PDB file of all heavy atoms in Angstrom:
ATOM      1  N   ILE A   1       0.757  -1.287  -0.045  1.00  0.00           N
ATOM      2  CA  ILE A   1      -0.033  -0.003   0.008  1.00  0.00           C
ATOM      3  C   ILE A   1       0.938   1.213   0.048  1.00  0.00           C
ATOM      4  O   ILE A   1       1.751   1.482   0.796  1.00  0.00           O
ATOM      5  CB  ILE A   1      -0.938   0.111   1.269  1.00  0.00           C
ATOM      6  CG1 ILE A   1      -1.782  -1.195   1.270  1.00  0.00           C
ATOM      7  CG2 ILE A   1      -1.838   1.264   1.276  1.00  0.00           C
ATOM      8  CD1 ILE A   1      -2.377  -1.525   2.627  1.00  0.00           C
ATOM      9  N   THR A   2       0.640   2.164  -0.892  1.00  0.00           N
ATOM     10  CA  THR A   2       1.495   3.333  -1.049  1.00  0.00           C
ATOM     11  C   THR A   2       0.580   4.623  -1.151  1.00  0.00           C
ATOM     12  O   THR A   2      -0.629   4.452  -1.516  1.00  0.00           O
ATOM     13  CB  THR A   2       2.458   3.215  -2.252  1.00  0.00           C
ATOM     14  OG1 THR A   2       1.627   3.068  -3.411  1.00  0.00           O
ATOM     15  CG2 THR A   2       3.465   2.097  -2.131  1.00  0.00           C
ATOM     16  N   ARG A   3       1.132   5.743  -0.992  1.00  0.00           N
ATOM     17  CA  ARG A   3       0.371   7.008  -1.151  1.00  0.00           C
ATOM     18  C   ARG A   3       0.244   7.259  -2.692  1.00  0.00           C
ATOM     19  O   ARG A   3      -0.827   7.762  -3.010  1.00  0.00           O
ATOM     20  CB  ARG A   3       1.238   8.239  -0.576  1.00  0.00           C
ATOM     21  CG  ARG A   3       0.382   9.497  -0.704  1.00  0.00           C
ATOM     22  CD  ARG A   3       1.353  10.629  -0.161  1.00  0.00           C
ATOM     23  NE  ARG A   3       1.477  10.560   1.195  1.00  0.00           N
ATOM     24  CZ  ARG A   3       0.967  11.205   2.106  1.00  0.00           C
ATOM     25  NH1 ARG A   3       0.071  12.017   1.951  1.00  0.00           N
ATOM     26  NH2 ARG A   3       1.362  11.038   3.376  1.00  0.00           N
ATOM     27  N   ARG A   4       1.293   7.066  -3.490  1.00  0.00           N
ATOM     28  CA  ARG A   4       1.195   7.303  -4.905  1.00  0.00           C
ATOM     29  C   ARG A   4       1.445   6.006  -5.679  1.00  0.00           C
ATOM     30  O   ARG A   4       1.998   5.080  -5.079  1.00  0.00           O
ATOM     31  CB  ARG A   4       2.262   8.320  -5.286  1.00  0.00           C
ATOM     32  CG  ARG A   4       2.061   9.672  -4.628  1.00  0.00           C
ATOM     33  CD  ARG A   4       3.335  10.641  -4.905  1.00  0.00           C
ATOM     34  NE  ARG A   4       3.362  11.592  -3.785  1.00  0.00           N
ATOM     35  CZ  ARG A   4       3.951  11.467  -2.589  1.00  0.00           C
ATOM     36  NH1 ARG A   4       4.479  10.295  -2.240  1.00  0.00           N
ATOM     37  NH2 ARG A   4       3.953  12.474  -1.671  1.00  0.00           N
ATOM     38  N   VAL A   5       1.052   6.115  -6.961  1.00  0.00           N
ATOM     39  CA  VAL A   5       1.492   4.980  -7.727  1.00  0.00           C
ATOM     40  C   VAL A   5       2.902   4.842  -7.840  1.00  0.00           C
ATOM     41  O   VAL A   5       3.609   5.817  -7.981  1.00  0.00           O
ATOM     42  CB  VAL A   5       0.971   5.174  -9.201  1.00  0.00           C
ATOM     43  CG1 VAL A   5       1.501   4.091 -10.200  1.00  0.00           C
ATOM     44  CG2 VAL A   5      -0.656   5.263  -9.217  1.00  0.00           C
ATOM     45  N   GLU A   6       3.462   3.666  -7.499  1.00  0.00           N
ATOM     46  CA  GLU A   6       4.899   3.410  -7.496  1.00  0.00           C
ATOM     47  C   GLU A   6       5.235   2.593  -8.732  1.00  0.00           C
ATOM     48  O   GLU A   6       4.842   1.549  -9.162  1.00  0.00           O
ATOM     49  CB  GLU A   6       5.183   2.497  -6.323  1.00  0.00           C
ATOM     50  CG  GLU A   6       5.323   3.160  -5.025  1.00  0.00           C
ATOM     51  CD  GLU A   6       6.343   4.110  -4.833  1.00  0.00           C
ATOM     52  OE1 GLU A   6       7.352   4.112  -5.505  1.00  0.00           O
ATOM     53  OE2 GLU A   6       6.173   5.187  -4.069  1.00  0.00           O
ATOM     54  N   PRO A   7       6.336   3.153  -9.365  1.00  0.00           N
ATOM     55  CA  PRO A   7       6.927   2.429 -10.684  1.00  0.00           C
ATOM     56  C   PRO A   7       7.239   1.046 -10.416  1.00  0.00           C
ATOM     57  O   PRO A   7       7.094   0.214 -11.247  1.00  0.00           O
ATOM     58  CB  PRO A   7       8.085   3.316 -10.876  1.00  0.00           C
ATOM     59  CG  PRO A   7       7.859   4.692 -10.365  1.00  0.00           C
ATOM     60  CD  PRO A   7       7.030   4.414  -9.136  1.00  0.00           C
ATOM     61  N   ALA A   8       7.595   0.564  -9.155  1.00  0.00           N
ATOM     62  CA  ALA A   8       8.113  -0.746  -8.891  1.00  0.00           C
ATOM     63  C   ALA A   8       6.794  -1.627  -9.071  1.00  0.00           C
ATOM     64  O   ALA A   8       7.001  -2.758  -9.342  1.00  0.00           O
ATOM     65  CB  ALA A   8       8.658  -0.815  -7.514  1.00  0.00           C
ATOM     66  N   GLY A   9       5.584  -1.128  -8.971  1.00  0.00           N
ATOM     67  CA  GLY A   9       4.451  -1.971  -9.084  1.00  0.00           C
ATOM     68  C   GLY A   9       4.100  -2.417 -10.588  1.00  0.00           C
ATOM     69  O   GLY A   9       3.347  -3.236 -10.751  1.00  0.00           O
ATOM     70  N   PHE A  10       4.983  -1.910 -11.507  1.00  0.00           N
ATOM     71  CA  PHE A  10       4.856  -2.282 -12.841  1.00  0.00           C
ATOM     72  C   PHE A  10       5.984  -3.252 -13.306  1.00  0.00           C
ATOM     73  O   PHE A  10       6.089  -3.539 -14.531  1.00  0.00           O
ATOM     74  CB  PHE A  10       4.814  -1.037 -13.794  1.00  0.00           C
ATOM     75  CG  PHE A  10       3.665  -0.151 -13.433  1.00  0.00           C
ATOM     76  CD1 PHE A  10       3.740   0.808 -12.500  1.00  0.00           C
ATOM     77  CD2 PHE A  10       2.351  -0.550 -14.090  1.00  0.00           C
ATOM     78  CE1 PHE A  10       2.580   1.666 -12.220  1.00  0.00           C
ATOM     79  CE2 PHE A  10       1.321   0.349 -13.784  1.00  0.00           C
ATOM     80  CZ  PHE A  10       1.340   1.445 -12.786  1.00  0.00           C
ATOM     81  N   SER A  11       6.744  -3.768 -12.411  1.00  0.00           N
ATOM     82  CA  SER A  11       7.880  -4.551 -12.652  1.00  0.00           C
ATOM     83  C   SER A  11       7.372  -5.980 -13.034  1.00  0.00           C
ATOM     84  O   SER A  11       6.374  -6.375 -12.454  1.00  0.00           O
ATOM     85  CB  SER A  11       8.886  -4.668 -11.500  1.00  0.00           C
ATOM     86  OG  SER A  11       9.432  -3.423 -11.142  1.00  0.00           O
ATOM     87  N   ASN A  12       8.186  -6.626 -13.917  1.00  0.00           N
ATOM     88  CA  ASN A  12       7.753  -8.072 -14.396  1.00  0.00           C
ATOM     89  C   ASN A  12       8.282  -8.974 -13.178  1.00  0.00           C
ATOM     90  O   ASN A  12       9.104  -8.679 -12.495  1.00  0.00           O
ATOM     91  CB  ASN A  12       8.568  -8.396 -15.556  1.00  0.00           C
ATOM     92  CG  ASN A  12       8.105  -7.818 -16.773  1.00  0.00           C
ATOM     93  OD1 ASN A  12       6.885  -7.329 -16.972  1.00  0.00           O
ATOM     94  ND2 ASN A  12       9.018  -7.457 -17.805  1.00  0.00           N
ATOM     95  N   GLY A  13       7.354 -10.034 -13.069  1.00  0.00           N
ATOM     96  CA  GLY A  13       7.608 -11.025 -12.073  1.00  0.00           C
ATOM     97  C   GLY A  13       7.328 -10.858 -10.809  1.00  0.00           C
ATOM     98  O   GLY A  13       7.721 -11.595  -9.728  1.00  0.00           O
ATOM     99  N   LEU A  14       6.566  -9.782 -10.484  1.00  0.00           N
ATOM    100  CA  LEU A  14       6.175  -9.572  -8.979  1.00  0.00           C
ATOM    101  C   LEU A  14       5.219 -10.579  -8.504  1.00  0.00           C
ATOM    102  O   LEU A  14       4.515 -11.200  -9.194  1.00  0.00           O
ATOM    103  CB  LEU A  14       5.345  -8.171  -9.025  1.00  0.00           C
ATOM    104  CG  LEU A  14       6.213  -6.879  -9.078  1.00  0.00           C
ATOM    105  CD1 LEU A  14       5.262  -5.687  -9.203  1.00  0.00           C
ATOM    106  CD2 LEU A  14       7.249  -6.759  -8.064  1.00  0.00           C
ATOM    107  N   LEU A  15       5.391 -10.923  -7.252  1.00  0.00           N
ATOM    108  CA  LEU A  15       4.525 -11.869  -6.489  1.00  0.00           C
ATOM    109  C   LEU A  15       3.606 -11.045  -5.488  1.00  0.00           C
ATOM    110  O   LEU A  15       3.107 -11.735  -4.586  1.00  0.00           O
ATOM    111  CB  LEU A  15       5.379 -12.854  -5.892  1.00  0.00           C
ATOM    112  CG  LEU A  15       6.205 -13.746  -6.764  1.00  0.00           C
ATOM    113  CD1 LEU A  15       7.053 -14.685  -6.073  1.00  0.00           C
ATOM    114  CD2 LEU A  15       5.338 -14.444  -7.731  1.00  0.00           C
ATOM    115  N   VAL A  16       3.646  -9.723  -5.592  1.00  0.00           N
ATOM    116  CA  VAL A  16       2.679  -9.008  -4.708  1.00  0.00           C
ATOM    117  C   VAL A  16       1.894  -8.069  -5.603  1.00  0.00           C
ATOM    118  O   VAL A  16       2.367  -7.655  -6.711  1.00  0.00           O
ATOM    119  CB  VAL A  16       3.446  -8.303  -3.552  1.00  0.00           C
ATOM    120  CG1 VAL A  16       4.343  -9.155  -2.805  1.00  0.00           C
ATOM    121  CG2 VAL A  16       4.386  -7.133  -4.192  1.00  0.00           C
ATOM    122  N   SER A  17       0.807  -7.498  -5.013  1.00  0.00           N
ATOM    123  CA  SER A  17       0.139  -6.420  -5.688  1.00  0.00           C
ATOM    124  C   SER A  17       0.307  -5.050  -4.978  1.00  0.00           C
ATOM    125  O   SER A  17       0.694  -5.037  -3.707  1.00  0.00           O
ATOM    126  CB  SER A  17      -1.423  -6.784  -5.454  1.00  0.00           C
ATOM    127  OG  SER A  17      -1.769  -7.986  -6.244  1.00  0.00           O
ATOM    128  N   PHE A  18       0.251  -4.018  -5.749  1.00  0.00           N
ATOM    129  CA  PHE A  18       0.376  -2.687  -5.306  1.00  0.00           C
ATOM    130  C   PHE A  18      -0.942  -2.003  -5.488  1.00  0.00           C
ATOM    131  O   PHE A  18      -1.496  -2.004  -6.452  1.00  0.00           O
ATOM    132  CB  PHE A  18       1.429  -1.917  -6.107  1.00  0.00           C
ATOM    133  CG  PHE A  18       2.990  -2.277  -5.752  1.00  0.00           C
ATOM    134  CD1 PHE A  18       3.573  -3.414  -6.013  1.00  0.00           C
ATOM    135  CD2 PHE A  18       3.757  -1.162  -5.347  1.00  0.00           C
ATOM    136  CE1 PHE A  18       4.758  -3.730  -5.783  1.00  0.00           C
ATOM    137  CE2 PHE A  18       5.142  -1.558  -5.125  1.00  0.00           C
ATOM    138  CZ  PHE A  18       5.575  -2.700  -5.366  1.00  0.00           C
ATOM    139  N   VAL A  19      -1.229  -1.136  -4.408  1.00  0.00           N
ATOM    140  CA  VAL A  19      -2.495  -0.342  -4.469  1.00  0.00           C
ATOM    141  C   VAL A  19      -2.177   1.065  -3.787  1.00  0.00           C
ATOM    142  O   VAL A  19      -1.506   1.057  -2.825  1.00  0.00           O
ATOM    143  CB  VAL A  19      -3.717  -1.036  -3.878  1.00  0.00           C
ATOM    144  CG1 VAL A  19      -3.582  -1.207  -2.437  1.00  0.00           C
ATOM    145  CG2 VAL A  19      -4.969  -0.347  -4.249  1.00  0.00           C
ATOM    146  N   VAL A  20      -2.796   2.120  -4.405  1.00  0.00           N
ATOM    147  CA  VAL A  20      -2.641   3.376  -3.658  1.00  0.00           C
ATOM    148  C   VAL A  20      -3.684   3.492  -2.527  1.00  0.00           C
ATOM    149  O   VAL A  20      -4.800   2.888  -2.709  1.00  0.00           O
ATOM    150  CB  VAL A  20      -2.729   4.564  -4.557  1.00  0.00           C
ATOM    151  CG1 VAL A  20      -1.501   4.652  -5.638  1.00  0.00           C
ATOM    152  CG2 VAL A  20      -3.996   4.597  -5.433  1.00  0.00           C
ATOM    153  N   ILE A  21      -3.366   4.227  -1.588  1.00  0.00           N
ATOM    154  CA  ILE A  21      -4.154   4.223  -0.360  1.00  0.00           C
ATOM    155  C   ILE A  21      -5.602   4.601  -0.662  1.00  0.00           C
ATOM    156  O   ILE A  21      -6.589   4.064  -0.083  1.00  0.00           O
ATOM    157  CB  ILE A  21      -3.662   5.094   0.757  1.00  0.00           C
ATOM    158  CG1 ILE A  21      -4.283   4.958   2.142  1.00  0.00           C
ATOM    159  CG2 ILE A  21      -3.536   6.534   0.335  1.00  0.00           C
ATOM    160  CD1 ILE A  21      -3.947   3.664   2.811  1.00  0.00           C
ATOM    161  N   ARG A  22      -5.897   5.607  -1.566  1.00  0.00           N
ATOM    162  CA  ARG A  22      -7.224   5.942  -1.842  1.00  0.00           C
ATOM    163  C   ARG A  22      -8.024   4.902  -2.449  1.00  0.00           C
ATOM    164  O   ARG A  22      -9.249   4.974  -2.558  1.00  0.00           O
ATOM    165  CB  ARG A  22      -7.165   7.221  -2.621  1.00  0.00           C
ATOM    166  CG  ARG A  22      -6.778   7.000  -4.077  1.00  0.00           C
ATOM    167  CD  ARG A  22      -6.886   8.325  -4.913  1.00  0.00           C
ATOM    168  NE  ARG A  22      -6.204   8.207  -6.191  1.00  0.00           N
ATOM    169  CZ  ARG A  22      -4.919   8.527  -6.505  1.00  0.00           C
ATOM    170  NH1 ARG A  22      -4.151   8.906  -5.365  1.00  0.00           N
ATOM    171  NH2 ARG A  22      -4.431   8.293  -7.625  1.00  0.00           N
ATOM    172  N   ASP A  23      -7.331   3.890  -3.039  1.00  0.00           N
ATOM    173  CA  ASP A  23      -8.141   2.829  -3.752  1.00  0.00           C
ATOM    174  C   ASP A  23      -8.160   1.544  -2.868  1.00  0.00           C
ATOM    175  O   ASP A  23      -8.728   0.497  -3.334  1.00  0.00           O
ATOM    176  CB  ASP A  23      -7.401   2.506  -5.019  1.00  0.00           C
ATOM    177  CG  ASP A  23      -7.634   3.519  -6.062  1.00  0.00           C
ATOM    178  OD1 ASP A  23      -8.637   4.252  -5.963  1.00  0.00           O
ATOM    179  OD2 ASP A  23      -6.770   3.673  -6.998  1.00  0.00           O
ATOM    180  N   LEU A  24      -7.651   1.679  -1.651  1.00  0.00           N
ATOM    181  CA  LEU A  24      -7.500   0.466  -0.767  1.00  0.00           C
ATOM    182  C   LEU A  24      -8.933  -0.177  -0.553  1.00  0.00           C
ATOM    183  O   LEU A  24      -9.046  -1.461  -0.821  1.00  0.00           O
ATOM    184  CB  LEU A  24      -6.771   0.695   0.557  1.00  0.00           C
ATOM    185  CG  LEU A  24      -6.660  -0.403   1.453  1.00  0.00           C
ATOM    186  CD1 LEU A  24      -5.872  -1.576   0.922  1.00  0.00           C
ATOM    187  CD2 LEU A  24      -5.962   0.045   2.864  1.00  0.00           C
ATOM    188  N   ALA A  25      -9.808   0.519  -0.103  1.00  0.00           N
ATOM    189  CA  ALA A  25     -11.051  -0.045   0.283  1.00  0.00           C
ATOM    190  C   ALA A  25     -11.762  -0.708  -0.880  1.00  0.00           C
ATOM    191  O   ALA A  25     -12.346  -1.779  -0.787  1.00  0.00           O
ATOM    192  CB  ALA A  25     -12.081   0.936   0.810  1.00  0.00           C
ATOM    193  N   THR A  26     -11.752  -0.096  -2.064  1.00  0.00           N
ATOM    194  CA  THR A  26     -12.338  -0.700  -3.233  1.00  0.00           C
ATOM    195  C   THR A  26     -11.531  -1.996  -3.741  1.00  0.00           C
ATOM    196  O   THR A  26     -12.183  -2.868  -3.949  1.00  0.00           O
ATOM    197  CB  THR A  26     -12.123   0.352  -4.536  1.00  0.00           C
ATOM    198  OG1 THR A  26     -12.831   1.667  -4.058  1.00  0.00           O
ATOM    199  CG2 THR A  26     -12.716  -0.220  -5.783  1.00  0.00           C
ATOM    200  N   ALA A  27     -10.270  -1.978  -3.677  1.00  0.00           N
ATOM    201  CA  ALA A  27      -9.463  -3.187  -3.943  1.00  0.00           C
ATOM    202  C   ALA A  27      -9.900  -4.302  -2.949  1.00  0.00           C
ATOM    203  O   ALA A  27      -9.992  -5.516  -3.383  1.00  0.00           O
ATOM    204  CB  ALA A  27      -8.028  -2.916  -3.822  1.00  0.00           C
TER     205      ALA A  27
END
């Protein structure tokens, strides 16, 4: 969970999801 969109969240081979805080409840 991050405040802003993190470039690392678009890396290949990730085994985790990234979400910005304002979208947390929806996700």
